Amino acid sequence: MGASFEYETYQKQTKDELRKQFSNDVEEDQYMNGHSYSGGIGMLGGIGTWLEKTFNTEAEAANYICDKHQKWDAAMAAQLTDGSWVVGGWCSS
């Protein structure tokens, strides 16, 4: 089985708002692409790790998550210096 790296970027919001928004996006992805091995963010389930480090750019945050996230783990969330968020990880496919 493979994996694909997927992430979403969200505008500035609280952790609770982000958790709810990401959960809705996961449900939508599962509805559109199935509940197993789709390679989409639906495979991440929810947010499992809130990174303490902040990042200057979306690319920096995405690259960090790509390097640190493990397939089958819940998503990682990284905040940018402008207050927005990058959430993602390796999705089973």
C-alpha atoms as a PDB file:
ATOM      1  CA  MET A   1       0.000   0.000   0.000  1.00  0.00           C
ATOM      2  CA  GLY A   2       1.179   3.492  -0.783  1.00  0.00           C
ATOM      3  CA  ALA A   3       0.695   6.961   0.555  1.00  0.00           C
ATOM      4  CA  SER A   4       0.401  10.478  -0.754  1.00  0.00           C
ATOM      5  CA  PHE A   5       1.254  13.662   1.074  1.00  0.00           C
ATOM      6  CA  GLU A   6      -1.745  15.976   1.341  1.00  0.00           C
ATOM      7  CA  TYR A   7      -2.385  19.195   3.218  1.00  0.00           C
ATOM      8  CA  GLU A   8      -4.847  22.051   3.450  1.00  0.00           C
ATOM      9  CA  THR A   9      -4.242  25.674   4.380  1.00  0.00           C
ATOM     10  CA  TYR A  10      -6.734  27.511   6.579  1.00  0.00           C
ATOM     11  CA  GLN A  11      -7.166  31.173   7.381  1.00  0.00           C
ATOM     12  CA  LYS A  12      -6.528  32.524  10.873  1.00  0.00           C
ATOM     13  CA  GLN A  13      -8.802  30.845  13.444  1.00  0.00           C
ATOM     14  CA  THR A  14      -8.745  29.303  16.909  1.00  0.00           C
ATOM     15  CA  LYS A  15      -7.708  25.696  17.459  1.00  0.00           C
ATOM     16  CA  ASP A  16     -11.318  24.720  18.174  1.00  0.00           C
ATOM     17  CA  GLU A  17     -12.515  26.373  14.962  1.00  0.00           C
ATOM     18  CA  LEU A  18      -9.725  24.710  13.011  1.00  0.00           C
ATOM     19  CA  ARG A  19     -10.480  21.295  14.510  1.00  0.00           C
ATOM     20  CA  LYS A  20     -14.126  21.642  13.447  1.00  0.00           C
ATOM     21  CA  GLN A  21     -13.251  22.919   9.950  1.00  0.00           C
ATOM     22  CA  PHE A  22     -10.733  20.132   9.355  1.00  0.00           C
ATOM     23  CA  SER A  23     -13.188  17.530  10.642  1.00  0.00           C
ATOM     24  CA  ASN A  24     -15.771  18.789   8.140  1.00  0.00           C
ATOM     25  CA  ASP A  25     -13.176  18.624   5.345  1.00  0.00           C
ATOM     26  CA  VAL A  26     -12.238  15.069   6.349  1.00  0.00           C
ATOM     27  CA  GLU A  27     -15.898  14.009   6.255  1.00  0.00           C
ATOM     28  CA  GLU A  28     -16.373  15.630   2.851  1.00  0.00           C
ATOM     29  CA  ASP A  29     -13.265  13.909   1.482  1.00  0.00           C
ATOM     30  CA  GLN A  30     -14.466  10.548   2.767  1.00  0.00           C
ATOM     31  CA  TYR A  31     -17.875  11.120   1.183  1.00  0.00           C
ATOM     32  CA  MET A  32     -16.326  12.072  -2.155  1.00  0.00           C
ATOM     33  CA  ASN A  33     -13.445   9.558  -2.251  1.00  0.00           C
ATOM     34  CA  GLY A  34     -14.320   6.705   0.079  1.00  0.00           C
ATOM     35  CA  HIS A  35     -13.347   5.678   3.581  1.00  0.00           C
ATOM     36  CA  SER A  36     -10.276   3.560   2.879  1.00  0.00           C
ATOM     37  CA  TYR A  37      -7.039   4.016   0.965  1.00  0.00           C
ATOM     38  CA  SER A  38      -8.209   7.029  -1.032  1.00  0.00           C
ATOM     39  CA  GLY A  39      -4.983   8.995  -0.589  1.00  0.00           C
ATOM     40  CA  GLY A  40      -6.952  12.077   0.503  1.00  0.00           C
ATOM     41  CA  ILE A  41      -7.146  13.989   3.770  1.00  0.00           C
ATOM     42  CA  GLY A  42     -10.048  11.791   4.832  1.00  0.00           C
ATOM     43  CA  MET A  43      -7.455   9.149   5.689  1.00  0.00           C
ATOM     44  CA  LEU A  44      -5.956  11.416   8.364  1.00  0.00           C
ATOM     45  CA  GLY A  45      -9.044  11.319  10.579  1.00  0.00           C
ATOM     46  CA  GLY A  46      -8.428  14.391  12.671  1.00  0.00           C
ATOM     47  CA  ILE A  47      -5.666  16.560  14.054  1.00  0.00           C
ATOM     48  CA  GLY A  48      -3.377  14.563  16.313  1.00  0.00           C
ATOM     49  CA  THR A  49      -0.399  16.896  16.689  1.00  0.00           C
ATOM     50  CA  TRP A  50      -0.307  20.654  17.200  1.00  0.00           C
ATOM     51  CA  LEU A  51       3.223  21.800  16.424  1.00  0.00           C
ATOM     52  CA  GLU A  52       4.726  24.312  18.843  1.00  0.00           C
ATOM     53  CA  LYS A  53       6.975  25.820  16.186  1.00  0.00           C
ATOM     54  CA  THR A  54       5.572  28.531  13.901  1.00  0.00           C
ATOM     55  CA  PHE A  55       6.566  28.880  10.258  1.00  0.00           C
ATOM     56  CA  ASN A  56       7.008  31.868   7.968  1.00  0.00           C
ATOM     57  CA  THR A  57       5.549  30.293   4.839  1.00  0.00           C
ATOM     58  CA  GLU A  58       3.099  27.599   3.794  1.00  0.00           C
ATOM     59  CA  ALA A  59       5.911  25.779   1.983  1.00  0.00           C
ATOM     60  CA  GLU A  60       8.094  25.659   5.125  1.00  0.00           C
ATOM     61  CA  ALA A  61       5.232  24.252   7.197  1.00  0.00           C
ATOM     62  CA  ALA A  62       4.246  21.704   4.542  1.00  0.00           C
ATOM     63  CA  ASN A  63       7.850  20.534   4.124  1.00  0.00           C
ATOM     64  CA  TYR A  64       8.252  20.139   7.895  1.00  0.00           C
ATOM     65  CA  ILE A  65       5.047  18.105   8.167  1.00  0.00           C
ATOM     66  CA  CYS A  66       6.090  16.029   5.150  1.00  0.00           C
ATOM     67  CA  ASP A  67       9.399  15.178   6.829  1.00  0.00           C
ATOM     68  CA  LYS A  68       8.006  14.454  10.313  1.00  0.00           C
ATOM     69  CA  HIS A  69       4.576  12.898   9.781  1.00  0.00           C
ATOM     70  CA  GLN A  70       4.166   9.119   9.753  1.00  0.00           C
ATOM     71  CA  LYS A  71       1.624   7.292   7.611  1.00  0.00           C
ATOM     72  CA  TRP A  72      -1.377   6.131   9.690  1.00  0.00           C
ATOM     73  CA  ASP A  73      -0.955   8.957  12.239  1.00  0.00           C
ATOM     74  CA  ALA A  74      -3.583  11.674  12.597  1.00  0.00           C
ATOM     75  CA  ALA A  75      -2.850  14.997  10.889  1.00  0.00           C
ATOM     76  CA  MET A  76      -0.267  17.527  12.048  1.00  0.00           C
ATOM     77  CA  ALA A  77      -1.203  21.217  12.345  1.00  0.00           C
ATOM     78  CA  ALA A  78       1.376  23.982  11.957  1.00  0.00           C
ATOM     79  CA  GLN A  79       0.635  27.651  12.497  1.00  0.00           C
ATOM     80  CA  LEU A  80       2.138  30.330  10.284  1.00  0.00           C
ATOM     81  CA  THR A  81       3.375  33.682  11.576  1.00  0.00           C
ATOM     82  CA  ASP A  82       0.350  35.382   9.973  1.00  0.00           C
ATOM     83  CA  GLY A  83      -1.977  33.207  12.089  1.00  0.00           C
ATOM     84  CA  SER A  84      -3.101  30.852   9.337  1.00  0.00           C
ATOM     85  CA  TRP A  85      -2.664  27.086   9.570  1.00  0.00           C
ATOM     86  CA  VAL A  86      -1.300  24.236   7.468  1.00  0.00           C
ATOM     87  CA  VAL A  87      -2.791  20.831   8.321  1.00  0.00           C
ATOM     88  CA  GLY A  88      -1.864  17.549   6.694  1.00  0.00           C
ATOM     89  CA  GLY A  89       0.222  14.409   6.515  1.00  0.00           C
ATOM     90  CA  TRP A  90       0.806  11.154   4.672  1.00  0.00           C
ATOM     91  CA  CYS A  91      -2.510   9.631   3.568  1.00  0.00           C
ATOM     92  CA  SER A  92      -2.826   5.918   2.862  1.00  0.00           C
ATOM     93  CA  SER A  93      -3.633   5.017  -0.717  1.00  0.00           C
END
